[in-house]
Protein backbone atom coordinates (compact mmCIF):
# COMPACT_ATOMS: atom_id res chain seq x y z
CA LYS A 1 0.00 0.00 0.00
CA SER A 2 1.11 3.53 -0.55
CA TYR A 3 -0.19 6.52 1.33
CA HIS A 4 -0.34 10.12 0.26
CA ALA A 5 -0.66 12.85 2.85
CA THR A 6 -1.96 16.25 1.93
CA SER A 7 -2.21 19.40 3.93
CA LYS A 8 -3.36 22.92 3.31
CA VAL A 9 -0.86 25.66 3.93
CA SER A 10 -1.87 29.27 4.17
CA GLU A 11 0.29 32.37 4.00
CA ASN A 12 -0.30 32.85 7.76
CA ASP A 13 1.22 29.48 8.70
CA ILE A 14 4.54 29.68 10.50
CA PHE A 15 7.11 26.92 10.14
CA ASP A 16 10.04 26.99 12.50
CA ASN A 17 11.36 23.48 11.97
CA LYS A 18 15.06 22.89 12.41
CA LEU A 19 17.28 20.34 10.75
CA ILE A 20 20.66 20.02 12.38
CA PHE A 21 23.53 18.04 10.89
CA GLY A 22 26.33 16.99 13.17
CA ASP A 23 27.07 15.36 16.46
CA ASN A 24 23.82 14.99 18.41
CA LEU A 25 25.41 15.86 21.75
CA LEU A 26 26.60 19.22 20.39
CA ALA A 27 23.21 19.76 18.75
CA LEU A 28 21.38 19.10 22.03
CA LYS A 29 23.63 21.56 23.85
CA ALA A 30 22.86 24.18 21.20
CA LEU A 31 19.11 23.48 21.38
CA GLU A 32 19.16 23.73 25.17
CA ARG A 33 19.93 27.46 25.02
CA GLU A 34 16.75 28.21 23.08
CA TYR A 35 14.40 25.37 24.01
CA ALA A 36 15.09 24.54 27.67
CA GLY A 37 11.76 23.85 29.35
CA LYS A 38 9.75 24.29 26.13
CA VAL A 39 9.35 20.81 24.60
CA LYS A 40 6.15 18.86 25.32
CA CYS A 41 7.18 15.42 24.02
CA ILE A 42 10.51 13.78 23.20
CA TYR A 43 10.69 10.41 21.46
CA ILE A 44 14.10 8.91 20.80
CA ASP A 45 15.09 5.72 19.02
CA PRO A 46 18.81 5.55 19.81
CA PRO A 47 21.24 2.91 18.54
CA TYR A 48 20.46 -0.38 20.28
CA ASN A 49 24.12 -1.36 20.74
CA THR A 50 23.47 -4.58 18.84
CA GLY A 51 27.08 -5.34 18.01
CA SER A 52 26.74 -4.32 14.36
CA ALA A 53 28.66 -1.66 12.46
CA PHE A 54 26.71 0.65 10.16
CA GLU A 55 27.81 3.22 7.62
CA HIS A 56 27.06 6.28 9.77
CA TYR A 57 27.62 4.96 13.29
CA ASP A 58 29.14 2.11 15.25
CA ASP A 59 26.50 0.06 17.05
CA ASN A 60 29.09 -2.10 18.73
CA LEU A 61 30.28 -0.08 21.71
CA GLU A 62 31.60 -1.26 25.03
CA HIS A 63 28.58 -1.42 27.32
CA SER A 64 29.89 1.24 29.72
CA ILE A 65 30.68 3.62 26.83
CA TRP A 66 27.14 3.22 25.41
CA LEU A 67 25.67 3.91 28.86
CA ASN A 68 27.79 7.03 29.31
CA LEU A 69 26.81 8.36 25.86
CA MET A 70 23.13 7.80 26.62
CA TYR A 71 23.39 9.32 30.11
CA GLN A 72 24.79 12.60 28.75
CA ARG A 73 22.09 12.87 26.09
CA ILE A 74 19.15 11.92 28.32
CA LYS A 75 20.19 14.58 30.86
CA LEU A 76 20.14 17.22 28.12
CA LEU A 77 16.85 15.95 26.75
CA ARG A 78 15.24 16.16 30.20
CA ASN A 79 16.28 19.81 30.38
CA LEU A 80 14.44 20.48 27.12
CA LEU A 81 11.13 19.16 28.48
CA LYS A 82 8.34 21.37 29.80
CA ASP A 83 7.24 20.58 33.34
CA ASP A 84 4.28 18.64 31.92
CA GLY A 85 6.44 17.02 29.24
CA VAL A 86 6.89 13.35 28.47
CA PHE A 87 10.02 11.44 27.40
CA CYS A 88 9.86 8.20 25.40
CA MET A 89 12.84 5.97 24.61
CA HIS A 90 12.57 3.04 22.17
CA LEU A 91 15.05 0.16 22.68
CA ASP A 92 15.29 -3.61 22.53
CA ASP A 93 16.33 -6.06 25.26
CA GLN A 94 20.04 -5.47 24.63
CA GLU A 95 20.20 -2.25 26.70
CA VAL A 96 16.65 -1.26 27.71
CA PHE A 97 16.90 -2.41 31.32
CA TYR A 98 20.18 -0.56 31.84
CA ALA A 99 18.68 2.50 30.13
CA LYS A 100 15.78 2.33 32.59
CA ILE A 101 18.20 2.60 35.51
CA ILE A 102 19.78 5.66 33.88
CA CYS A 103 16.36 7.23 33.30
CA ASP A 104 15.34 6.41 36.89
CA GLU A 105 18.37 8.36 38.08
CA ILE A 106 17.86 11.32 35.75
CA PHE A 107 14.06 11.68 35.96
CA GLY A 108 13.48 9.99 39.32
CA ARG A 109 12.15 6.48 39.70
CA ASP A 110 8.76 7.89 40.67
CA LYS A 111 8.54 9.66 37.28
CA PHE A 112 8.47 6.36 35.36
CA ILE A 113 5.02 6.05 33.80
CA SER A 114 5.18 2.72 32.01
CA SER A 115 6.77 0.71 29.26
CA ILE A 116 5.04 -0.18 26.02
CA ALA A 117 5.87 -3.39 24.15
CA VAL A 118 6.05 -2.95 20.38
CA LYS A 119 5.93 -6.02 18.16
CA SER A 120 9.10 -6.02 16.05
CA SER A 121 8.89 -9.43 14.36
CA THR A 122 7.22 -12.82 14.36
CA PRO A 123 8.79 -16.18 15.20
CA SER A 124 8.96 -17.44 11.63
CA GLY A 125 11.28 -17.78 8.67
CA LEU A 126 15.02 -17.47 9.24
CA LYS A 127 14.58 -16.62 12.90
CA THR A 128 13.38 -20.15 13.64
CA ALA A 129 16.47 -21.65 11.96
CA HIS A 130 18.59 -20.60 14.95
CA ARG A 131 17.70 -23.50 17.16
CA ASN A 132 20.20 -22.49 19.82
CA LYS A 133 17.84 -19.68 20.78
CA THR A 134 14.89 -20.89 22.80
CA ILE A 135 13.01 -17.59 22.83
CA ILE A 136 12.94 -15.53 19.64
CA LYS A 137 13.01 -11.73 19.95
CA GLN A 138 9.60 -10.41 18.94
CA LYS A 139 9.34 -7.04 20.65
CA ASP A 140 11.01 -3.78 21.53
CA LEU A 141 10.14 -1.61 24.51
CA ILE A 142 9.37 2.08 24.83
CA LEU A 143 10.17 3.52 28.26
CA ILE A 144 7.95 6.46 29.20
CA TYR A 145 8.84 9.09 31.80
CA LYS A 146 7.29 12.37 32.90
CA LYS A 147 9.42 15.31 33.94
CA THR A 148 7.25 16.34 36.89
CA ASP A 149 3.99 15.36 38.49
CA THR A 150 2.13 18.08 36.56
CA LEU A 151 1.69 15.67 33.63
CA THR A 152 -1.72 14.00 33.67
CA VAL A 153 -1.92 10.52 32.17
CA ASN A 154 -5.33 9.27 31.08
CA PRO A 155 -5.00 5.48 30.79
CA GLN A 156 -7.03 3.60 28.21
CA TYR A 157 -8.71 0.38 29.29
CA VAL A 158 -9.75 -2.41 26.96
CA LYS A 159 -11.56 -5.32 28.58
CA ARG A 160 -10.33 -8.81 27.64
CA ASP A 161 -12.70 -11.72 27.89
CA LYS A 162 -9.98 -14.35 27.98
CA TRP A 163 -6.23 -14.73 28.20
CA ASP A 164 -4.38 -14.66 24.87
CA SER A 165 -4.00 -18.32 23.83
CA HIS A 166 -0.47 -17.77 22.44
CA TYR A 167 0.84 -16.82 25.87
CA SER A 168 -1.33 -19.41 27.58
CA LYS A 169 0.46 -22.13 25.56
CA PHE A 170 3.87 -20.56 26.22
CA PHE A 171 3.39 -20.63 29.97
CA GLY A 172 1.63 -24.02 29.92
CA LEU A 173 -1.75 -22.61 30.96
C-alpha cells in the first residue's frame, strides 16, 4: 500500500522546523539554550548497541561507553522538556533495562510512567532456523517518563474476555 498525505498551507502558517547536521550531543547543547523547558514530548530511538557496524555509526560499543553516551544525552533531553512534558525511549532487550536505571536516576524512579511493548517481528522464517535460541526476539520496549507530576496521564482500558492463547500455551496454561 502507498499513502499520500496532503495538507493545506496558508500564508499565515509559520514553520520553525530545524534540521541540524552533526554530532547529536553538540546539537542538544545548542538546542538547550533556546528550548530549555519548552518541549512537550521527546521520542528517541537511539542505537540499540546490537554489536553491528553501520555506515554512519558504530552500534558495537563497550557497554559502559554506550551507557555514558546515553546518560549525557538523556540529561540534556530532560532539560528540554516542559514541566508537563513526556520522554519516550525506544530500545530492545540489549540495553533497555540498563537504560531504565539511567532514566530512573535522571528523571526519578517515581517519574516512570510505564513501558510499552512494540511487536518487532514474528517467530517465523530465518529466525526459527537458529535452534540455539529458545526464545525468539519479537518485541522492543518504549520507556515512558514524565518530567514532573504536573503531567496527567489518562490510561485507556480495553476489557479482555480471555487470556491470549499464544501466551497461555507458552506458559503451559
